[in-house]
Amino acid sequence: MRADAERALNAELAGELSRSVWNQCTSYLRGPGGRIVTQWPYTGLEYARRTRRLCRGDWVHRAGGDTR
């Protein structure tokens, strides 16, 4: 995923999660830096809708499996 697209998605999710009940947790739901890393703030249907098709412009395509 392109870095700017990833930052935008992370900012959106962090904003939504900050207004959720998950913001009160202090368990494994948070990464070492305190960010909520395991929860999706929307419905399962919304996840399916968003992941059904990828936005090609948000991804960097490289030949040969290069993951840099």
Protein backbone atom coordinates (compact mmCIF):
# COMPACT_ATOMS: atom_id res chain seq x y z
CA MET A 1 0.00 0.00 0.00
CA ARG A 2 1.26 3.49 -0.75
CA ALA A 3 2.48 5.28 2.38
CA ASP A 4 0.07 8.22 1.98
CA ALA A 5 -2.94 5.92 1.52
CA GLU A 6 -1.91 3.90 4.57
CA ARG A 7 -1.53 7.08 6.67
CA ALA A 8 -4.97 8.29 5.57
CA LEU A 9 -6.63 4.97 6.43
CA ASN A 10 -4.85 4.78 9.80
CA ALA A 11 -5.91 8.34 10.63
CA GLU A 12 -9.54 7.55 9.72
CA LEU A 13 -9.56 4.38 11.83
CA ALA A 14 -7.85 6.07 14.78
CA GLY A 15 -10.42 8.86 14.71
CA GLU A 16 -13.33 6.43 14.71
CA LEU A 17 -11.77 4.21 17.38
CA SER A 18 -11.09 7.21 19.63
CA ARG A 19 -14.85 7.68 19.92
CA SER A 20 -15.55 4.01 20.65
CA VAL A 21 -15.68 1.83 23.73
CA TRP A 22 -12.37 0.32 22.61
CA ASN A 23 -10.68 3.59 23.56
CA GLN A 24 -11.18 2.64 27.23
CA CYS A 25 -9.27 -0.64 26.99
CA THR A 26 -5.74 -1.26 28.26
CA SER A 27 -5.34 -4.85 27.08
CA TYR A 28 -3.92 -6.70 24.07
CA LEU A 29 -6.07 -4.52 21.81
CA ARG A 30 -3.33 -1.90 21.99
CA GLY A 31 0.12 -2.05 20.50
CA PRO A 32 3.27 -1.10 22.44
CA GLY A 33 2.80 2.57 21.50
CA GLY A 34 -0.79 2.64 22.82
CA ARG A 35 -2.49 2.56 19.41
CA ILE A 36 -5.58 0.33 19.10
CA VAL A 37 -4.41 -2.26 16.58
CA THR A 38 -6.89 -5.15 16.61
CA GLN A 39 -10.34 -3.59 16.24
CA TRP A 40 -12.37 -2.49 13.23
CA PRO A 41 -14.67 0.44 14.11
CA TYR A 42 -17.32 -0.33 11.49
CA THR A 43 -19.65 -3.22 10.72
CA GLY A 44 -18.67 -6.49 9.10
CA LEU A 45 -20.73 -5.47 6.08
CA GLU A 46 -18.68 -2.28 5.75
CA TYR A 47 -15.46 -4.31 5.90
CA ALA A 48 -16.74 -6.57 3.11
CA ARG A 49 -17.76 -3.55 1.03
CA ARG A 50 -14.38 -1.86 1.43
CA THR A 51 -12.30 -4.94 0.74
CA ARG A 52 -14.31 -6.35 -2.16
CA ARG A 53 -12.30 -4.31 -4.64
CA LEU A 54 -9.02 -2.56 -4.08
CA CYS A 55 -8.46 1.01 -5.18
CA ARG A 56 -5.59 0.51 -7.63
CA GLY A 57 -4.29 4.01 -7.02
CA ASP A 58 -3.68 3.21 -3.35
CA TRP A 59 -1.24 0.41 -4.15
CA VAL A 60 2.29 0.23 -5.49
CA HIS A 61 2.72 -2.60 -7.98
CA ARG A 62 6.12 -4.22 -8.30
CA ALA A 63 7.22 -7.16 -10.43
CA GLY A 64 8.84 -10.23 -8.92
CA GLY A 65 7.37 -10.05 -5.44
CA ASP A 66 9.63 -7.18 -4.29
CA THR A 67 8.20 -6.06 -0.93
CA ARG A 68 10.37 -2.98 -0.34
